[in-house]
Amino acid sequence: MLERFDGRVSLEWDIAPEALPVALPALSLQPLLENVFKHTVERRRGPVAIRVHAALDVGALVLQVEDDAGALQQQPQRNNGAGIALANLRTRLAALHGEHAGLSLAALAPSGVRAEMRVPCAS
């Protein structure tokens, strides 16, 4: 995707060293990144900065994917599949970790969206 949108996207990885050995559920980061491209990069002509941040916080891995240009959609359009990827990821997190895992979205000021996934670290 970086090649496809060459010159329009920058991607920064900010992964704490202690977070590297923590296992994530398979294909859990991919839909978060794909959402940024689908809902922000493809709809915008200007440059978009994407940041992936991972760190440990009180026995959990917190993974954040944020962009600096998106807008949080309050009412997903059900007819085009919007929201399915995140709903599926939430379902998988709940099946694997119950209430100890979660996925949230937040609007950033002045613009942008942050997706935050929290998964428990293995003891």
PDB file of N, CA and C in Angstrom:
ATOM      1  N   MET A   1       0.831  -1.195   0.000  1.00  0.00           N
ATOM      2  CA  MET A   1       0.000   0.000   0.000  1.00  0.00           C
ATOM      3  C   MET A   1       0.876   1.260   0.000  1.00  0.00           C
ATOM      4  N   LEU A   2       2.023   1.179   0.667  1.00  0.00           N
ATOM      5  CA  LEU A   2       2.908   2.342   0.659  1.00  0.00           C
ATOM      6  C   LEU A   2       3.387   2.642  -0.757  1.00  0.00           C
ATOM      7  N   GLU A   3       3.638   1.591  -1.542  1.00  0.00           N
ATOM      8  CA  GLU A   3       4.063   1.800  -2.928  1.00  0.00           C
ATOM      9  C   GLU A   3       2.914   2.326  -3.775  1.00  0.00           C
ATOM     10  N   ARG A   4       1.733   1.799  -3.559  1.00  0.00           N
ATOM     11  CA  ARG A   4       0.567   2.233  -4.325  1.00  0.00           C
ATOM     12  C   ARG A   4       0.274   3.712  -4.098  1.00  0.00           C
ATOM     13  N   PHE A   5       0.452   4.168  -2.879  1.00  0.00           N
ATOM     14  CA  PHE A   5       0.174   5.558  -2.532  1.00  0.00           C
ATOM     15  C   PHE A   5       1.471   6.324  -2.278  1.00  0.00           C
ATOM     16  N   ASP A   6       2.492   6.005  -3.044  1.00  0.00           N
ATOM     17  CA  ASP A   6       3.808   6.619  -2.898  1.00  0.00           C
ATOM     18  C   ASP A   6       3.712   8.143  -2.893  1.00  0.00           C
ATOM     19  N   GLY A   7       4.317   8.747  -1.897  1.00  0.00           N
ATOM     20  CA  GLY A   7       4.314  10.193  -1.774  1.00  0.00           C
ATOM     21  C   GLY A   7       3.108  10.751  -1.040  1.00  0.00           C
ATOM     22  N   ARG A   8       2.098   9.915  -0.785  1.00  0.00           N
ATOM     23  CA  ARG A   8       0.892  10.384  -0.097  1.00  0.00           C
ATOM     24  C   ARG A   8       0.773   9.844   1.310  1.00  0.00           C
ATOM     25  N   VAL A   9       1.621   8.870   1.667  1.00  0.00           N
ATOM     26  CA  VAL A   9       1.510   8.217   2.969  1.00  0.00           C
ATOM     27  C   VAL A   9       2.882   8.094   3.608  1.00  0.00           C
ATOM     28  N   SER A  10       2.932   8.394   4.895  1.00  0.00           N
ATOM     29  CA  SER A  10       4.127   8.067   5.679  1.00  0.00           C
ATOM     30  C   SER A  10       3.685   7.133   6.796  1.00  0.00           C
ATOM     31  N   LEU A  11       4.526   6.181   7.122  1.00  0.00           N
ATOM     32  CA  LEU A  11       4.210   5.187   8.152  1.00  0.00           C
ATOM     33  C   LEU A  11       5.337   5.152   9.162  1.00  0.00           C
ATOM     34  N   GLU A  12       4.995   5.416  10.414  1.00  0.00           N
ATOM     35  CA  GLU A  12       5.972   5.413  11.506  1.00  0.00           C
ATOM     36  C   GLU A  12       5.659   4.255  12.449  1.00  0.00           C
ATOM     37  N   TRP A  13       6.675   3.471  12.769  1.00  0.00           N
ATOM     38  CA  TRP A  13       6.547   2.365  13.723  1.00  0.00           C
ATOM     39  C   TRP A  13       7.213   2.785  15.016  1.00  0.00           C
ATOM     40  N   ASP A  14       6.472   2.767  16.105  1.00  0.00           N
ATOM     41  CA  ASP A  14       6.979   3.122  17.433  1.00  0.00           C
ATOM     42  C   ASP A  14       6.648   1.960  18.373  1.00  0.00           C
ATOM     43  N   ILE A  15       7.517   0.963  18.385  1.00  0.00           N
ATOM     44  CA  ILE A  15       7.278  -0.261  19.143  1.00  0.00           C
ATOM     45  C   ILE A  15       8.276  -0.325  20.298  1.00  0.00           C
ATOM     46  N   ALA A  16       7.764  -0.347  21.522  1.00  0.00           N
ATOM     47  CA  ALA A  16       8.638  -0.451  22.689  1.00  0.00           C
ATOM     48  C   ALA A  16       9.322  -1.818  22.667  1.00  0.00           C
ATOM     49  N   PRO A  17      10.594  -1.883  22.997  1.00  0.00           N
ATOM     50  CA  PRO A  17      11.319  -3.158  22.960  1.00  0.00           C
ATOM     51  C   PRO A  17      10.654  -4.260  23.790  1.00  0.00           C
ATOM     52  N   GLU A  18      10.096  -3.907  24.941  1.00  0.00           N
ATOM     53  CA  GLU A  18       9.450  -4.921  25.782  1.00  0.00           C
ATOM     54  C   GLU A  18       8.149  -5.444  25.178  1.00  0.00           C
ATOM     55  N   ALA A  19       7.613  -4.743  24.183  1.00  0.00           N
ATOM     56  CA  ALA A  19       6.378  -5.185  23.531  1.00  0.00           C
ATOM     57  C   ALA A  19       6.635  -6.181  22.404  1.00  0.00           C
ATOM     58  N   LEU A  20       7.860  -6.239  21.903  1.00  0.00           N
ATOM     59  CA  LEU A  20       8.173  -7.096  20.759  1.00  0.00           C
ATOM     60  C   LEU A  20       7.858  -8.583  20.971  1.00  0.00           C
ATOM     61  N   PRO A  21       8.151  -9.172  22.123  1.00  0.00           N
ATOM     62  CA  PRO A  21       7.871 -10.608  22.259  1.00  0.00           C
ATOM     63  C   PRO A  21       6.412 -10.973  22.539  1.00  0.00           C
ATOM     64  N   VAL A  22       5.551  -9.976  22.741  1.00  0.00           N
ATOM     65  CA  VAL A  22       4.148 -10.256  23.064  1.00  0.00           C
ATOM     66  C   VAL A  22       3.410 -10.670  21.786  1.00  0.00           C
ATOM     67  N   ALA A  23       2.737 -11.806  21.849  1.00  0.00           N
ATOM     68  CA  ALA A  23       2.002 -12.316  20.695  1.00  0.00           C
ATOM     69  C   ALA A  23       0.652 -11.615  20.560  1.00  0.00           C
ATOM     70  N   LEU A  24       0.323 -11.271  19.337  1.00  0.00           N
ATOM     71  CA  LEU A  24      -0.982 -10.718  19.008  1.00  0.00           C
ATOM     72  C   LEU A  24      -1.813 -11.793  18.321  1.00  0.00           C
ATOM     73  N   PRO A  25      -3.117 -11.710  18.402  1.00  0.00           N
ATOM     74  CA  PRO A  25      -3.936 -12.634  17.616  1.00  0.00           C
ATOM     75  C   PRO A  25      -3.605 -12.467  16.123  1.00  0.00           C
ATOM     76  N   ALA A  26      -3.614 -13.565  15.397  1.00  0.00           N
ATOM     77  CA  ALA A  26      -3.283 -13.536  13.970  1.00  0.00           C
ATOM     78  C   ALA A  26      -4.164 -12.528  13.239  1.00  0.00           C
ATOM     79  N   LEU A  27      -3.552 -11.801  12.337  1.00  0.00           N
ATOM     80  CA  LEU A  27      -4.235 -10.834  11.481  1.00  0.00           C
ATOM     81  C   LEU A  27      -5.053  -9.799  12.256  1.00  0.00           C
ATOM     82  N   SER A  28      -4.544  -9.347  13.380  1.00  0.00           N
ATOM     83  CA  SER A  28      -5.260  -8.320  14.130  1.00  0.00           C
ATOM     84  C   SER A  28      -4.780  -6.911  13.783  1.00  0.00           C
ATOM     85  N   LEU A  29      -3.546  -6.754  13.380  1.00  0.00           N
ATOM     86  CA  LEU A  29      -3.042  -5.436  12.988  1.00  0.00           C
ATOM     87  C   LEU A  29      -3.489  -5.086  11.570  1.00  0.00           C
ATOM     88  N   GLN A  30      -3.556  -6.072  10.706  1.00  0.00           N
ATOM     89  CA  GLN A  30      -3.886  -5.826   9.300  1.00  0.00           C
ATOM     90  C   GLN A  30      -5.199  -5.060   9.101  1.00  0.00           C
ATOM     91  N   PRO A  31      -6.312  -5.467   9.713  1.00  0.00           N
ATOM     92  CA  PRO A  31      -7.549  -4.705   9.459  1.00  0.00           C
ATOM     93  C   PRO A  31      -7.494  -3.275   9.990  1.00  0.00           C
ATOM     94  N   LEU A  32      -6.701  -3.029  11.014  1.00  0.00           N
ATOM     95  CA  LEU A  32      -6.574  -1.665  11.529  1.00  0.00           C
ATOM     96  C   LEU A  32      -5.872  -0.773  10.506  1.00  0.00           C
ATOM     97  N   LEU A  33      -4.803  -1.314   9.909  1.00  0.00           N
ATOM     98  CA  LEU A  33      -4.092  -0.550   8.880  1.00  0.00           C
ATOM     99  C   LEU A  33      -4.942  -0.421   7.615  1.00  0.00           C
ATOM    100  N   GLU A  34      -5.602  -1.494   7.227  1.00  0.00           N
ATOM    101  CA  GLU A  34      -6.454  -1.442   6.034  1.00  0.00           C
ATOM    102  C   GLU A  34      -7.551  -0.395   6.185  1.00  0.00           C
ATOM    103  N   ASN A  35      -8.100  -0.239   7.386  1.00  0.00           N
ATOM    104  CA  ASN A  35      -9.134   0.771   7.601  1.00  0.00           C
ATOM    105  C   ASN A  35      -8.609   2.175   7.361  1.00  0.00           C
ATOM    106  N   VAL A  36      -7.371   2.442   7.769  1.00  0.00           N
ATOM    107  CA  VAL A  36      -6.803   3.769   7.531  1.00  0.00           C
ATOM    108  C   VAL A  36      -6.711   4.021   6.031  1.00  0.00           C
ATOM    109  N   PHE A  37      -6.246   3.022   5.283  1.00  0.00           N
ATOM    110  CA  PHE A  37      -6.136   3.212   3.836  1.00  0.00           C
ATOM    111  C   PHE A  37      -7.515   3.359   3.193  1.00  0.00           C
ATOM    112  N   LYS A  38      -8.463   2.533   3.586  1.00  0.00           N
ATOM    113  CA  LYS A  38      -9.800   2.561   2.978  1.00  0.00           C
ATOM    114  C   LYS A  38     -10.567   3.826   3.321  1.00  0.00           C
ATOM    115  N   HIS A  39     -10.538   4.224   4.581  1.00  0.00           N
ATOM    116  CA  HIS A  39     -11.384   5.323   5.028  1.00  0.00           C
ATOM    117  C   HIS A  39     -10.694   6.682   5.037  1.00  0.00           C
ATOM    118  N   THR A  40      -9.377   6.706   4.885  1.00  0.00           N
ATOM    119  CA  THR A  40      -8.674   7.987   4.913  1.00  0.00           C
ATOM    120  C   THR A  40      -7.829   8.203   3.666  1.00  0.00           C
ATOM    121  N   VAL A  41      -6.849   7.354   3.446  1.00  0.00           N
ATOM    122  CA  VAL A  41      -5.896   7.576   2.355  1.00  0.00           C
ATOM    123  C   VAL A  41      -6.592   7.586   0.998  1.00  0.00           C
ATOM    124  N   GLU A  42      -7.458   6.615   0.740  1.00  0.00           N
ATOM    125  CA  GLU A  42      -8.114   6.531  -0.564  1.00  0.00           C
ATOM    126  C   GLU A  42      -9.070   7.689  -0.806  1.00  0.00           C
ATOM    127  N   ARG A  43      -9.558   8.331   0.232  1.00  0.00           N
ATOM    128  CA  ARG A  43     -10.541   9.412   0.098  1.00  0.00           C
ATOM    129  C   ARG A  43      -9.918  10.804   0.136  1.00  0.00           C
ATOM    130  N   ARG A  44      -8.633  10.857   0.316  1.00  0.00           N
ATOM    131  CA  ARG A  44      -7.973  12.153   0.515  1.00  0.00           C
ATOM    132  C   ARG A  44      -6.862  12.317  -0.516  1.00  0.00           C
ATOM    133  N   ARG A  45      -6.712  13.509  -1.038  1.00  0.00           N
ATOM    134  CA  ARG A  45      -5.655  13.774  -2.018  1.00  0.00           C
ATOM    135  C   ARG A  45      -4.343  14.164  -1.341  1.00  0.00           C
ATOM    136  N   GLY A  46      -4.433  14.754  -0.166  1.00  0.00           N
ATOM    137  CA  GLY A  46      -3.241  15.221   0.530  1.00  0.00           C
ATOM    138  C   GLY A  46      -2.521  14.101   1.248  1.00  0.00           C
ATOM    139  N   PRO A  47      -1.358  14.392   1.817  1.00  0.00           N
ATOM    140  CA  PRO A  47      -0.580  13.379   2.532  1.00  0.00           C
ATOM    141  C   PRO A  47      -1.251  12.958   3.842  1.00  0.00           C
ATOM    142  N   VAL A  48      -1.029  11.711   4.201  1.00  0.00           N
ATOM    143  CA  VAL A  48      -1.567  11.147   5.439  1.00  0.00           C
ATOM    144  C   VAL A  48      -0.406  10.516   6.199  1.00  0.00           C
ATOM    145  N   ALA A  49      -0.285  10.839   7.461  1.00  0.00           N
ATOM    146  CA  ALA A  49       0.717  10.215   8.335  1.00  0.00           C
ATOM    147  C   ALA A  49       0.024   9.156   9.178  1.00  0.00           C
ATOM    148  N   ILE A  50       0.595   7.957   9.168  1.00  0.00           N
ATOM    149  CA  ILE A  50       0.076   6.843   9.963  1.00  0.00           C
ATOM    150  C   ILE A  50       1.143   6.483  10.983  1.00  0.00           C
ATOM    151  N   ARG A  51       0.704   6.251  12.216  1.00  0.00           N
ATOM    152  CA  ARG A  51       1.631   5.878  13.294  1.00  0.00           C
ATOM    153  C   ARG A  51       1.108   4.611  13.955  1.00  0.00           C
ATOM    154  N   VAL A  52       2.005   3.634  14.101  1.00  0.00           N
ATOM    155  CA  VAL A  52       1.689   2.403  14.831  1.00  0.00           C
ATOM    156  C   VAL A  52       2.531   2.421  16.098  1.00  0.00           C
ATOM    157  N   HIS A  53       1.859   2.361  17.234  1.00  0.00           N
ATOM    158  CA  HIS A  53       2.536   2.424  18.530  1.00  0.00           C
ATOM    159  C   HIS A  53       2.142   1.201  19.342  1.00  0.00           C
ATOM    160  N   ALA A  54       3.117   0.566  19.966  1.00  0.00           N
ATOM    161  CA  ALA A  54       2.836  -0.571  20.844  1.00  0.00           C
ATOM    162  C   ALA A  54       3.681  -0.440  22.101  1.00  0.00           C
ATOM    163  N   ALA A  55       3.049  -0.680  23.242  1.00  0.00           N
ATOM    164  CA  ALA A  55       3.739  -0.616  24.530  1.00  0.00           C
ATOM    165  C   ALA A  55       2.975  -1.468  25.536  1.00  0.00           C
ATOM    166  N   LEU A  56       3.651  -1.814  26.606  1.00  0.00           N
ATOM    167  CA  LEU A  56       3.008  -2.557  27.689  1.00  0.00           C
ATOM    168  C   LEU A  56       2.410  -1.582  28.681  1.00  0.00           C
ATOM    169  N   ASP A  57       1.253  -1.975  29.237  1.00  0.00           N
ATOM    170  CA  ASP A  57       0.580  -1.147  30.224  1.00  0.00           C
ATOM    171  C   ASP A  57      -0.180  -2.059  31.183  1.00  0.00           C
ATOM    172  N   VAL A  58       0.303  -2.194  32.394  1.00  0.00           N
ATOM    173  CA  VAL A  58      -0.353  -2.953  33.460  1.00  0.00           C
ATOM    174  C   VAL A  58      -0.803  -4.343  32.973  1.00  0.00           C
ATOM    175  N   GLY A  59       0.150  -5.136  32.523  1.00  0.00           N
ATOM    176  CA  GLY A  59      -0.141  -6.513  32.133  1.00  0.00           C
ATOM    177  C   GLY A  59      -0.828  -6.692  30.801  1.00  0.00           C
ATOM    178  N   ALA A  60      -0.862  -5.634  30.009  1.00  0.00           N
ATOM    179  CA  ALA A  60      -1.497  -5.729  28.698  1.00  0.00           C
ATOM    180  C   ALA A  60      -0.625  -5.065  27.643  1.00  0.00           C
ATOM    181  N   LEU A  61      -0.767  -5.547  26.425  1.00  0.00           N
ATOM    182  CA  LEU A  61      -0.151  -4.882  25.287  1.00  0.00           C
ATOM    183  C   LEU A  61      -1.181  -3.919  24.725  1.00  0.00           C
ATOM    184  N   VAL A  62      -0.789  -2.674  24.558  1.00  0.00           N
ATOM    185  CA  VAL A  62      -1.658  -1.660  23.964  1.00  0.00           C
ATOM    186  C   VAL A  62      -1.077  -1.319  22.604  1.00  0.00           C
ATOM    187  N   LEU A  63      -1.871  -1.590  21.572  1.00  0.00           N
ATOM    188  CA  LEU A  63      -1.468  -1.322  20.199  1.00  0.00           C
ATOM    189  C   LEU A  63      -2.367  -0.225  19.650  1.00  0.00           C
ATOM    190  N   GLN A  64      -1.747   0.840  19.148  1.00  0.00           N
ATOM    191  CA  GLN A  64      -2.508   1.961  18.606  1.00  0.00           C
ATOM    192  C   GLN A  64      -2.121   2.174  17.147  1.00  0.00           C
ATOM    193  N   VAL A  65      -3.112   2.377  16.320  1.00  0.00           N
ATOM    194  CA  VAL A  65      -2.910   2.765  14.926  1.00  0.00           C
ATOM    195  C   VAL A  65      -3.670   4.065  14.756  1.00  0.00           C
ATOM    196  N   GLU A  66      -2.935   5.120  14.394  1.00  0.00           N
ATOM    197  CA  GLU A  66      -3.602   6.410  14.247  1.00  0.00           C
ATOM    198  C   GLU A  66      -3.161   7.100  12.980  1.00  0.00           C
ATOM    199  N   ASP A  67      -4.057   7.930  12.479  1.00  0.00           N
ATOM    200  CA  ASP A  67      -3.747   8.752  11.317  1.00  0.00           C
ATOM    201  C   ASP A  67      -4.012  10.207  11.679  1.00  0.00           C
ATOM    202  N   ASP A  68      -3.514  11.092  10.844  1.00  0.00           N
ATOM    203  CA  ASP A  68      -3.656  12.520  11.147  1.00  0.00           C
ATOM    204  C   ASP A  68      -4.689  13.215  10.267  1.00  0.00           C
ATOM    205  N   ALA A  69      -5.496  12.433   9.543  1.00  0.00           N
ATOM    206  CA  ALA A  69      -6.403  13.081   8.591  1.00  0.00           C
ATOM    207  C   ALA A  69      -7.804  12.508   8.554  1.00  0.00           C
ATOM    208  N   GLY A  70      -8.045  11.413   9.201  1.00  0.00           N
ATOM    209  CA  GLY A  70      -9.347  10.758   9.105  1.00  0.00           C
ATOM    210  C   GLY A  70     -10.400  11.411   9.968  1.00  0.00           C
ATOM    211  N   ALA A  71     -11.624  11.010   9.712  1.00  0.00           N
ATOM    212  CA  ALA A  71     -12.768  11.454  10.516  1.00  0.00           C
ATOM    213  C   ALA A  71     -13.493  10.213  10.995  1.00  0.00           C
ATOM    214  N   LEU A  72     -13.853  10.194  12.245  1.00  0.00           N
ATOM    215  CA  LEU A  72     -14.554   9.049  12.820  1.00  0.00           C
ATOM    216  C   LEU A  72     -15.985   9.031  12.298  1.00  0.00           C
ATOM    217  N   GLN A  73     -16.358   7.936  11.685  1.00  0.00           N
ATOM    218  CA  GLN A  73     -17.715   7.809  11.155  1.00  0.00           C
ATOM    219  C   GLN A  73     -18.650   7.391  12.276  1.00  0.00           C
ATOM    220  N   GLN A  74     -19.620   8.219  12.544  1.00  0.00           N
ATOM    221  CA  GLN A  74     -20.542   7.946  13.643  1.00  0.00           C
ATOM    222  C   GLN A  74     -21.554   6.866  13.296  1.00  0.00           C
ATOM    223  N   GLN A  75     -22.006   6.831  12.043  1.00  0.00           N
ATOM    224  CA  GLN A  75     -22.991   5.841  11.638  1.00  0.00           C
ATOM    225  C   GLN A  75     -22.471   5.106  10.421  1.00  0.00           C
ATOM    226  N   PRO A  76     -21.910   3.906  10.615  1.00  0.00           N
ATOM    227  CA  PRO A  76     -21.369   3.164   9.478  1.00  0.00           C
ATOM    228  C   PRO A  76     -22.447   2.892   8.437  1.00  0.00           C
ATOM    229  N   GLN A  77     -22.030   2.888   7.197  1.00  0.00           N
ATOM    230  CA  GLN A  77     -22.935   2.558   6.105  1.00  0.00           C
ATOM    231  C   GLN A  77     -22.938   1.045   5.944  1.00  0.00           C
ATOM    232  N   ARG A  78     -23.979   0.415   6.373  1.00  0.00           N
ATOM    233  CA  ARG A  78     -24.062  -1.042   6.394  1.00  0.00           C
ATOM    234  C   ARG A  78     -24.060  -1.661   4.996  1.00  0.00           C
ATOM    235  N   ASN A  79     -24.451  -0.895   3.985  1.00  0.00           N
ATOM    236  CA  ASN A  79     -24.580  -1.473   2.659  1.00  0.00           C
ATOM    237  C   ASN A  79     -23.251  -1.703   1.952  1.00  0.00           C
ATOM    238  N   ASN A  80     -22.168  -1.115   2.408  1.00  0.00           N
ATOM    239  CA  ASN A  80     -20.894  -1.316   1.732  1.00  0.00           C
ATOM    240  C   ASN A  80     -19.887  -2.088   2.584  1.00  0.00           C
ATOM    241  N   GLY A  81     -20.332  -2.743   3.625  1.00  0.00           N
ATOM    242  CA  GLY A  81     -19.439  -3.553   4.446  1.00  0.00           C
ATOM    243  C   GLY A  81     -18.683  -2.781   5.501  1.00  0.00           C
ATOM    244  N   ALA A  82     -18.959  -1.494   5.644  1.00  0.00           N
ATOM    245  CA  ALA A  82     -18.247  -0.686   6.630  1.00  0.00           C
ATOM    246  C   ALA A  82     -18.493  -1.232   8.026  1.00  0.00           C
ATOM    247  N   GLY A  83     -17.445  -1.349   8.788  1.00  0.00           N
ATOM    248  CA  GLY A  83     -17.577  -1.792  10.165  1.00  0.00           C
ATOM    249  C   GLY A  83     -17.420  -3.284  10.368  1.00  0.00           C
ATOM    250  N   ILE A  84     -17.426  -4.058   9.298  1.00  0.00           N
ATOM    251  CA  ILE A  84     -17.349  -5.513   9.416  1.00  0.00           C
ATOM    252  C   ILE A  84     -15.991  -5.949   9.955  1.00  0.00           C
ATOM    253  N   ALA A  85     -14.917  -5.369   9.449  1.00  0.00           N
ATOM    254  CA  ALA A  85     -13.575  -5.781   9.880  1.00  0.00           C
ATOM    255  C   ALA A  85     -13.379  -5.545  11.374  1.00  0.00           C
ATOM    256  N   LEU A  86     -13.813  -4.392  11.853  1.00  0.00           N
ATOM    257  CA  LEU A  86     -13.648  -4.094  13.276  1.00  0.00           C
ATOM    258  C   LEU A  86     -14.575  -4.947  14.128  1.00  0.00           C
ATOM    259  N   ALA A  87     -15.783  -5.191  13.652  1.00  0.00           N
ATOM    260  CA  ALA A  87     -16.712  -6.067  14.387  1.00  0.00           C
ATOM    261  C   ALA A  87     -16.136  -7.475  14.489  1.00  0.00           C
ATOM    262  N   ASN A  88     -15.565  -7.966  13.398  1.00  0.00           N
ATOM    263  CA  ASN A  88     -14.954  -9.301  13.421  1.00  0.00           C
ATOM    264  C   ASN A  88     -13.761  -9.346  14.375  1.00  0.00           C
ATOM    265  N   LEU A  89     -12.951  -8.297  14.372  1.00  0.00           N
ATOM    266  CA  LEU A  89     -11.797  -8.252  15.275  1.00  0.00           C
ATOM    267  C   LEU A  89     -12.263  -8.206  16.728  1.00  0.00           C
ATOM    268  N   ARG A  90     -13.274  -7.423  17.025  1.00  0.00           N
ATOM    269  CA  ARG A  90     -13.812  -7.383  18.397  1.00  0.00           C
ATOM    270  C   ARG A  90     -14.323  -8.758  18.820  1.00  0.00           C
ATOM    271  N   THR A  91     -14.991  -9.446  17.928  1.00  0.00           N
ATOM    272  CA  THR A  91     -15.507 -10.784  18.230  1.00  0.00           C
ATOM    273  C   THR A  91     -14.373 -11.755  18.511  1.00  0.00           C
ATOM    274  N   ARG A  92     -13.318 -11.701  17.699  1.00  0.00           N
ATOM    275  CA  ARG A  92     -12.165 -12.591  17.922  1.00  0.00           C
ATOM    276  C   ARG A  92     -11.467 -12.282  19.236  1.00  0.00           C
ATOM    277  N   LEU A  93     -11.300 -10.996  19.547  1.00  0.00           N
ATOM    278  CA  LEU A  93     -10.664 -10.617  20.815  1.00  0.00           C
ATOM    279  C   LEU A  93     -11.480 -11.115  22.002  1.00  0.00           C
ATOM    280  N   ALA A  94     -12.794 -10.975  21.917  1.00  0.00           N
ATOM    281  CA  ALA A  94     -13.663 -11.446  23.005  1.00  0.00           C
ATOM    282  C   ALA A  94     -13.598 -12.955  23.146  1.00  0.00           C
ATOM    283  N   ALA A  95     -13.554 -13.679  22.037  1.00  0.00           N
ATOM    284  CA  ALA A  95     -13.482 -15.139  22.086  1.00  0.00           C
ATOM    285  C   ALA A  95     -12.168 -15.610  22.685  1.00  0.00           C
ATOM    286  N   LEU A  96     -11.090 -14.897  22.387  1.00  0.00           N
ATOM    287  CA  LEU A  96      -9.764 -15.295  22.877  1.00  0.00           C
ATOM    288  C   LEU A  96      -9.500 -14.846  24.311  1.00  0.00           C
ATOM    289  N   HIS A  97      -9.954 -13.641  24.663  1.00  0.00           N
ATOM    290  CA  HIS A  97      -9.546 -13.047  25.944  1.00  0.00           C
ATOM    291  C   HIS A  97     -10.699 -12.532  26.803  1.00  0.00           C
ATOM    292  N   GLY A  98     -11.925 -12.691  26.334  1.00  0.00           N
ATOM    293  CA  GLY A  98     -13.066 -12.206  27.115  1.00  0.00           C
ATOM    294  C   GLY A  98     -12.988 -10.713  27.355  1.00  0.00           C
ATOM    295  N   GLU A  99     -13.352 -10.314  28.553  1.00  0.00           N
ATOM    296  CA  GLU A  99     -13.373  -8.888  28.898  1.00  0.00           C
ATOM    297  C   GLU A  99     -11.985  -8.293  29.099  1.00  0.00           C
ATOM    298  N   HIS A 100     -10.946  -9.112  29.023  1.00  0.00           N
ATOM    299  CA  HIS A 100      -9.578  -8.629  29.235  1.00  0.00           C
ATOM    300  C   HIS A 100      -8.970  -8.010  27.980  1.00  0.00           C
ATOM    301  N   ALA A 101      -9.692  -8.050  26.871  1.00  0.00           N
ATOM    302  CA  ALA A 101      -9.205  -7.461  25.622  1.00  0.00           C
ATOM    303  C   ALA A 101     -10.280  -6.541  25.079  1.00  0.00           C
ATOM    304  N   GLY A 102      -9.872  -5.635  24.227  1.00  0.00           N
ATOM    305  CA  GLY A 102     -10.854  -4.737  23.647  1.00  0.00           C
ATOM    306  C   GLY A 102     -10.288  -3.940  22.496  1.00  0.00           C
ATOM    307  N   LEU A 103     -11.182  -3.296  21.795  1.00  0.00           N
ATOM    308  CA  LEU A 103     -10.831  -2.456  20.661  1.00  0.00           C
ATOM    309  C   LEU A 103     -11.709  -1.218  20.715  1.00  0.00           C
ATOM    310  N   SER A 104     -11.086  -0.053  20.646  1.00  0.00           N
ATOM    311  CA  SER A 104     -11.852   1.192  20.672  1.00  0.00           C
ATOM    312  C   SER A 104     -11.350   2.126  19.588  1.00  0.00           C
ATOM    313  N   LEU A 105     -12.206   3.051  19.197  1.00  0.00           N
ATOM    314  CA  LEU A 105     -11.872   4.098  18.237  1.00  0.00           C
ATOM    315  C   LEU A 105     -12.083   5.442  18.906  1.00  0.00           C
ATOM    316  N   ALA A 106     -11.225   6.399  18.583  1.00  0.00           N
ATOM    317  CA  ALA A 106     -11.362   7.744  19.141  1.00  0.00           C
ATOM    318  C   ALA A 106     -10.958   8.770  18.092  1.00  0.00           C
ATOM    319  N   ALA A 107     -11.693   9.861  18.053  1.00  0.00           N
ATOM    320  CA  ALA A 107     -11.343  10.980  17.186  1.00  0.00           C
ATOM    321  C   ALA A 107     -10.185  11.737  17.823  1.00  0.00           C
ATOM    322  N   LEU A 108      -9.264  12.199  16.997  1.00  0.00           N
ATOM    323  CA  LEU A 108      -8.124  12.987  17.460  1.00  0.00           C
ATOM    324  C   LEU A 108      -8.319  14.441  17.050  1.00  0.00           C
ATOM    325  N   ALA A 109      -7.775  15.351  17.821  1.00  0.00           N
ATOM    326  CA  ALA A 109      -7.867  16.774  17.495  1.00  0.00           C
ATOM    327  C   ALA A 109      -6.543  17.236  16.898  1.00  0.00           C
ATOM    328  N   PRO A 110      -6.533  18.030  15.888  1.00  0.00           N
ATOM    329  CA  PRO A 110      -7.677  18.623  15.199  1.00  0.00           C
ATOM    330  C   PRO A 110      -8.336  17.668  14.192  1.00  0.00           C
ATOM    331  N   SER A 111      -7.630  16.633  13.760  1.00  0.00           N
ATOM    332  CA  SER A 111      -8.234  15.632  12.884  1.00  0.00           C
ATOM    333  C   SER A 111      -7.464  14.334  13.044  1.00  0.00           C
ATOM    334  N   GLY A 112      -8.082  13.272  12.625  1.00  0.00           N
ATOM    335  CA  GLY A 112      -7.458  11.963  12.709  1.00  0.00           C
ATOM    336  C   GLY A 112      -8.280  11.016  13.558  1.00  0.00           C
ATOM    337  N   VAL A 113      -7.902   9.753  13.488  1.00  0.00           N
ATOM    338  CA  VAL A 113      -8.585   8.699  14.228  1.00  0.00           C
ATOM    339  C   VAL A 113      -7.537   7.776  14.838  1.00  0.00           C
ATOM    340  N   ARG A 114      -7.810   7.321  16.060  1.00  0.00           N
ATOM    341  CA  ARG A 114      -6.951   6.340  16.715  1.00  0.00           C
ATOM    342  C   ARG A 114      -7.771   5.088  16.989  1.00  0.00           C
ATOM    343  N   ALA A 115      -7.242   3.951  16.508  1.00  0.00           N
ATOM    344  CA  ALA A 115      -7.789   2.648  16.885  1.00  0.00           C
ATOM    345  C   ALA A 115      -6.854   2.093  17.939  1.00  0.00           C
ATOM    346  N   GLU A 116      -7.408   1.656  19.063  1.00  0.00           N
ATOM    347  CA  GLU A 116      -6.591   1.123  20.153  1.00  0.00           C
ATOM    348  C   GLU A 116      -7.076  -0.271  20.507  1.00  0.00           C
ATOM    349  N   MET A 117      -6.149  -1.212  20.412  1.00  0.00           N
ATOM    350  CA  MET A 117      -6.433  -2.599  20.771  1.00  0.00           C
ATOM    351  C   MET A 117      -5.631  -2.936  22.029  1.00  0.00           C
ATOM    352  N   ARG A 118      -6.284  -3.570  22.963  1.00  0.00           N
ATOM    353  CA  ARG A 118      -5.649  -3.973  24.217  1.00  0.00           C
ATOM    354  C   ARG A 118      -5.816  -5.471  24.363  1.00  0.00           C
ATOM    355  N   VAL A 119      -4.681  -6.182  24.542  1.00  0.00           N
ATOM    356  CA  VAL A 119      -4.719  -7.621  24.747  1.00  0.00           C
ATOM    357  C   VAL A 119      -3.862  -7.959  25.961  1.00  0.00           C
ATOM    358  N   PRO A 120      -4.298  -8.912  26.766  1.00  0.00           N
ATOM    359  CA  PRO A 120      -3.504  -9.275  27.957  1.00  0.00           C
ATOM    360  C   PRO A 120      -2.200  -9.955  27.544  1.00  0.00           C
ATOM    361  N   CYS A 121      -1.175  -9.703  28.314  1.00  0.00           N
ATOM    362  CA  CYS A 121       0.111 -10.391  28.112  1.00  0.00           C
ATOM    363  C   CYS A 121       0.043 -11.739  28.805  1.00  0.00           C
ATOM    364  N   ALA A 122       0.662 -12.737  28.201  1.00  0.00           N
ATOM    365  CA  ALA A 122       0.727 -14.052  28.826  1.00  0.00           C
ATOM    366  C   ALA A 122       1.580 -13.962  30.079  1.00  0.00           C
ATOM    367  N   SER A 123       1.169 -14.639  31.116  1.00  0.00           N
ATOM    368  CA  SER A 123       1.942 -14.567  32.371  1.00  0.00           C
ATOM    369  C   SER A 123       3.056 -15.586  32.360  1.00  0.00           C
TER     370      SER A 123
END
